[in-house]
């Protein structure tokens, strides 16, 4: 199956930002926060990936990776509360988990 939604005649629901995630090539490691204890433990479990090789972002409810900028667009477009002052580094175009939850 390439596209579950189309192949089953279902309109795909709108995306929303679920949690932080790091992407290492094709491997996505989700967690509540970037490099929290859970993410660190998962990185160690898969062989100690190099932190500098990670692309930080988020996943949506479909497990699709979004960059920090893409996640901010989705969060704003669909009304997810975003606290710009608290956790977006003062940049209203880049999402940080502290600004989302």
N, C-alpha and C. Protein backbone atom coordinates (compact mmCIF):
# COMPACT_ATOMS: atom_id res chain seq x y z
N UNK A 1 0.83 -1.19 0.00
CA UNK A 1 0.00 0.00 0.00
C UNK A 1 0.87 1.25 0.00
N UNK A 2 0.64 2.12 -0.94
CA UNK A 2 1.38 3.37 -1.00
C UNK A 2 0.68 4.49 -0.26
N UNK A 3 -0.61 4.58 -0.40
CA UNK A 3 -1.38 5.63 0.25
C UNK A 3 -2.64 5.03 0.84
N UNK A 4 -2.59 4.68 2.09
CA UNK A 4 -3.71 4.04 2.81
C UNK A 4 -5.00 4.81 2.61
N UNK A 5 -4.94 6.12 2.73
CA UNK A 5 -6.15 6.95 2.70
C UNK A 5 -6.82 6.89 1.34
N UNK A 6 -6.08 7.11 0.28
CA UNK A 6 -6.63 7.09 -1.07
C UNK A 6 -7.12 5.70 -1.43
N UNK A 7 -6.31 4.70 -1.14
CA UNK A 7 -6.65 3.32 -1.51
C UNK A 7 -7.90 2.82 -0.79
N UNK A 8 -8.23 3.42 0.34
CA UNK A 8 -9.42 3.00 1.09
C UNK A 8 -10.56 4.01 0.99
N UNK A 9 -10.40 4.99 0.10
CA UNK A 9 -11.46 5.96 -0.13
C UNK A 9 -11.77 6.83 1.08
N UNK A 10 -10.75 7.11 1.88
CA UNK A 10 -10.94 7.89 3.10
C UNK A 10 -10.21 9.22 2.94
N UNK A 11 -10.89 10.29 3.34
CA UNK A 11 -10.23 11.60 3.33
C UNK A 11 -9.25 11.64 4.50
N UNK A 12 -8.00 11.92 4.20
CA UNK A 12 -6.97 11.96 5.23
C UNK A 12 -7.24 13.13 6.18
N UNK A 13 -7.27 12.86 7.49
CA UNK A 13 -7.51 13.95 8.46
C UNK A 13 -6.38 14.98 8.40
N UNK A 14 -6.67 16.16 8.87
CA UNK A 14 -5.66 17.21 8.91
C UNK A 14 -4.55 16.79 9.86
N UNK A 15 -3.33 17.18 9.58
CA UNK A 15 -2.23 16.80 10.47
C UNK A 15 -2.17 17.71 11.69
N UNK A 16 -1.60 17.19 12.77
CA UNK A 16 -1.27 18.04 13.91
C UNK A 16 0.04 17.55 14.50
N UNK A 17 0.71 18.44 15.19
CA UNK A 17 2.02 18.14 15.76
C UNK A 17 1.82 17.30 17.01
N UNK A 18 2.47 16.13 17.07
CA UNK A 18 2.31 15.22 18.19
C UNK A 18 3.44 15.34 19.20
N UNK A 19 4.67 15.21 18.73
CA UNK A 19 5.80 15.27 19.66
C UNK A 19 7.09 15.56 18.93
N UNK A 20 8.11 15.88 19.72
CA UNK A 20 9.44 16.12 19.19
C UNK A 20 9.99 14.85 18.55
N UNK A 21 10.90 15.01 17.62
CA UNK A 21 11.54 13.86 16.98
C UNK A 21 12.88 14.28 16.40
N UNK A 22 13.78 13.33 16.35
CA UNK A 22 15.05 13.51 15.65
C UNK A 22 15.08 12.55 14.48
N UNK A 23 15.60 13.02 13.36
CA UNK A 23 15.71 12.16 12.18
C UNK A 23 17.19 11.94 11.88
N UNK A 24 17.53 10.68 11.73
CA UNK A 24 18.88 10.25 11.35
C UNK A 24 18.73 9.48 10.04
N UNK A 25 18.81 10.16 8.92
CA UNK A 25 18.55 9.50 7.64
C UNK A 25 17.11 9.05 7.59
N UNK A 26 16.88 7.74 7.46
CA UNK A 26 15.52 7.19 7.41
C UNK A 26 14.96 6.85 8.78
N UNK A 27 15.79 6.90 9.81
CA UNK A 27 15.36 6.55 11.16
C UNK A 27 14.84 7.77 11.90
N UNK A 28 13.62 7.68 12.43
CA UNK A 28 13.02 8.76 13.20
C UNK A 28 12.86 8.29 14.63
N UNK A 29 13.37 9.08 15.57
CA UNK A 29 13.25 8.76 17.00
C UNK A 29 12.40 9.84 17.66
N UNK A 30 11.15 9.48 18.04
CA UNK A 30 10.27 10.44 18.69
C UNK A 30 10.40 10.41 20.21
N UNK A 31 10.07 11.54 20.83
CA UNK A 31 10.05 11.64 22.28
C UNK A 31 9.35 12.93 22.67
N UNK A 32 9.10 13.10 23.96
CA UNK A 32 8.42 14.31 24.42
C UNK A 32 9.26 15.56 24.14
N UNK A 33 10.56 15.46 24.34
CA UNK A 33 11.47 16.58 24.11
C UNK A 33 12.71 16.07 23.37
N UNK A 34 13.37 16.96 22.66
CA UNK A 34 14.61 16.59 21.98
C UNK A 34 15.67 16.29 23.03
N UNK A 35 16.28 15.15 22.89
CA UNK A 35 17.38 14.69 23.76
C UNK A 35 17.01 14.60 25.24
N UNK A 36 15.73 14.28 25.51
CA UNK A 36 15.36 13.97 26.89
C UNK A 36 15.86 12.56 27.21
N UNK A 37 15.58 12.07 28.41
CA UNK A 37 16.09 10.76 28.82
C UNK A 37 15.61 9.64 27.88
N UNK A 38 14.34 9.65 27.51
CA UNK A 38 13.81 8.60 26.63
C UNK A 38 14.51 8.62 25.27
N UNK A 39 14.64 9.79 24.67
CA UNK A 39 15.30 9.86 23.37
C UNK A 39 16.75 9.44 23.47
N UNK A 40 17.42 9.89 24.53
CA UNK A 40 18.82 9.51 24.74
C UNK A 40 18.96 8.00 24.88
N UNK A 41 18.06 7.38 25.65
CA UNK A 41 18.09 5.92 25.81
C UNK A 41 17.84 5.20 24.49
N UNK A 42 16.91 5.70 23.69
CA UNK A 42 16.63 5.09 22.38
C UNK A 42 17.82 5.22 21.44
N UNK A 43 18.47 6.38 21.45
CA UNK A 43 19.65 6.58 20.61
C UNK A 43 20.75 5.61 21.01
N UNK A 44 20.95 5.43 22.30
CA UNK A 44 21.95 4.47 22.78
C UNK A 44 21.58 3.05 22.36
N UNK A 45 20.29 2.71 22.44
CA UNK A 45 19.82 1.36 22.12
C UNK A 45 20.03 0.98 20.66
N UNK A 46 20.01 1.97 19.78
CA UNK A 46 20.21 1.67 18.35
C UNK A 46 21.66 1.88 17.92
N UNK A 47 22.54 2.04 18.87
CA UNK A 47 23.95 2.08 18.53
C UNK A 47 24.63 3.41 18.71
N UNK A 48 24.06 4.28 19.52
CA UNK A 48 24.74 5.54 19.82
C UNK A 48 24.92 6.43 18.61
N UNK A 49 23.83 6.81 17.98
CA UNK A 49 23.90 7.71 16.83
C UNK A 49 24.57 9.02 17.23
N UNK A 50 25.19 9.65 16.28
CA UNK A 50 25.90 10.90 16.55
C UNK A 50 24.92 12.06 16.61
N UNK A 51 24.92 12.77 17.72
CA UNK A 51 23.99 13.88 17.94
C UNK A 51 24.10 14.93 16.84
N UNK A 52 25.29 15.16 16.35
CA UNK A 52 25.47 16.20 15.32
C UNK A 52 24.85 15.80 13.98
N UNK A 53 24.55 14.51 13.80
CA UNK A 53 23.93 14.05 12.56
C UNK A 53 22.40 14.12 12.60
N UNK A 54 21.85 14.52 13.74
CA UNK A 54 20.40 14.55 13.90
C UNK A 54 19.80 15.80 13.29
N UNK A 55 18.66 15.62 12.67
CA UNK A 55 17.84 16.76 12.26
C UNK A 55 16.69 16.82 13.24
N UNK A 56 16.59 17.91 13.99
CA UNK A 56 15.54 18.03 14.99
C UNK A 56 14.27 18.55 14.34
N UNK A 57 13.16 17.95 14.74
CA UNK A 57 11.86 18.36 14.23
C UNK A 57 10.77 17.75 15.08
N UNK A 58 9.68 17.37 14.43
CA UNK A 58 8.52 16.81 15.10
C UNK A 58 7.89 15.74 14.22
N UNK A 59 6.98 14.97 14.79
CA UNK A 59 6.17 14.06 13.97
C UNK A 59 4.71 14.45 14.13
N UNK A 60 3.92 14.09 13.11
CA UNK A 60 2.48 14.27 13.21
C UNK A 60 1.84 12.93 13.61
N UNK A 61 0.53 12.89 13.65
CA UNK A 61 -0.16 11.68 14.11
C UNK A 61 -0.02 10.51 13.14
N UNK A 62 0.54 10.75 11.98
CA UNK A 62 0.78 9.68 11.01
C UNK A 62 2.23 9.19 11.06
N UNK A 63 3.02 9.73 11.98
CA UNK A 63 4.42 9.35 12.09
C UNK A 63 5.30 10.00 11.04
N UNK A 64 4.79 11.02 10.38
CA UNK A 64 5.55 11.72 9.35
C UNK A 64 6.40 12.81 9.99
N UNK A 65 7.67 12.86 9.63
CA UNK A 65 8.59 13.84 10.17
C UNK A 65 8.34 15.21 9.56
N UNK A 66 8.42 16.23 10.41
CA UNK A 66 8.32 17.62 9.96
C UNK A 66 9.49 18.39 10.54
N UNK A 67 10.08 19.27 9.77
CA UNK A 67 11.13 20.14 10.30
C UNK A 67 10.49 21.08 11.32
N UNK A 68 11.33 21.81 12.03
CA UNK A 68 10.80 22.79 12.99
C UNK A 68 9.93 23.84 12.29
N UNK A 69 10.33 24.26 11.10
CA UNK A 69 9.55 25.25 10.35
C UNK A 69 8.23 24.66 9.86
N UNK A 70 8.28 23.45 9.31
CA UNK A 70 7.06 22.80 8.84
C UNK A 70 6.08 22.57 9.99
N UNK A 71 6.60 22.17 11.14
CA UNK A 71 5.75 21.93 12.31
C UNK A 71 5.08 23.22 12.78
N UNK A 72 5.79 24.33 12.73
CA UNK A 72 5.20 25.61 13.13
C UNK A 72 4.06 25.99 12.18
N UNK A 73 4.26 25.77 10.90
CA UNK A 73 3.21 26.06 9.92
C UNK A 73 1.96 25.24 10.23
N UNK A 74 2.13 23.95 10.48
CA UNK A 74 0.99 23.06 10.78
C UNK A 74 0.32 23.49 12.08
N UNK A 75 1.10 23.73 13.13
CA UNK A 75 0.53 24.12 14.42
C UNK A 75 -0.30 25.39 14.30
N UNK A 76 0.22 26.38 13.60
CA UNK A 76 -0.50 27.64 13.43
C UNK A 76 -1.75 27.46 12.55
N UNK A 77 -1.59 26.72 11.45
CA UNK A 77 -2.68 26.56 10.48
C UNK A 77 -3.90 25.88 11.09
N UNK A 78 -3.67 24.98 12.02
CA UNK A 78 -4.78 24.21 12.56
C UNK A 78 -5.09 24.52 14.01
N UNK A 79 -4.59 25.66 14.48
CA UNK A 79 -5.00 26.16 15.78
C UNK A 79 -4.40 25.50 17.00
N UNK A 80 -3.28 24.81 16.85
CA UNK A 80 -2.62 24.28 18.05
C UNK A 80 -2.04 25.46 18.81
N UNK A 81 -2.23 25.50 20.12
CA UNK A 81 -1.68 26.62 20.88
C UNK A 81 -0.15 26.61 20.82
N UNK A 82 0.42 27.75 20.48
CA UNK A 82 1.87 27.90 20.42
C UNK A 82 2.26 29.14 21.21
N UNK A 83 3.10 28.95 22.21
CA UNK A 83 3.59 30.05 23.03
C UNK A 83 4.93 30.50 22.47
N UNK A 84 4.90 31.51 21.63
CA UNK A 84 6.10 31.99 20.94
C UNK A 84 7.16 32.45 21.95
N UNK A 85 6.74 33.21 22.94
CA UNK A 85 7.69 33.76 23.91
C UNK A 85 8.35 32.68 24.76
N UNK A 86 7.61 31.64 25.10
CA UNK A 86 8.12 30.62 26.00
C UNK A 86 9.10 29.67 25.35
N UNK A 87 8.84 29.29 24.12
CA UNK A 87 9.67 28.22 23.61
C UNK A 87 9.97 28.24 22.14
N UNK A 88 10.01 29.39 21.51
CA UNK A 88 10.32 29.41 20.09
C UNK A 88 11.52 30.29 19.80
N UNK A 89 12.29 30.57 20.81
CA UNK A 89 13.49 31.36 20.62
C UNK A 89 13.20 32.74 20.06
N UNK A 90 11.97 33.22 20.27
CA UNK A 90 11.59 34.53 19.75
C UNK A 90 11.32 34.55 18.26
N UNK A 91 11.41 33.40 17.61
CA UNK A 91 11.18 33.31 16.17
C UNK A 91 9.84 32.61 15.95
N UNK A 92 8.88 33.33 15.43
CA UNK A 92 7.55 32.72 15.27
C UNK A 92 7.45 31.83 14.04
N UNK A 93 8.59 31.48 13.44
CA UNK A 93 8.60 30.56 12.30
C UNK A 93 9.21 29.21 12.63
N UNK A 94 9.77 29.07 13.84
CA UNK A 94 10.46 27.83 14.23
C UNK A 94 9.84 27.30 15.52
N UNK A 95 9.42 26.04 15.51
CA UNK A 95 8.76 25.46 16.67
C UNK A 95 9.73 24.71 17.56
N UNK A 96 9.56 24.92 18.84
CA UNK A 96 10.27 24.16 19.88
C UNK A 96 9.19 23.53 20.74
N UNK A 97 9.44 22.35 21.28
CA UNK A 97 8.42 21.67 22.07
C UNK A 97 8.00 22.49 23.28
N UNK A 98 8.91 23.28 23.84
CA UNK A 98 8.56 24.11 24.99
C UNK A 98 7.47 25.12 24.65
N UNK A 99 7.38 25.50 23.40
CA UNK A 99 6.35 26.43 22.97
C UNK A 99 5.05 25.74 22.60
N UNK A 100 5.08 24.44 22.48
CA UNK A 100 3.90 23.68 22.05
C UNK A 100 3.16 23.05 23.22
N UNK A 101 3.94 22.53 24.18
CA UNK A 101 3.33 21.88 25.35
C UNK A 101 4.27 21.95 26.53
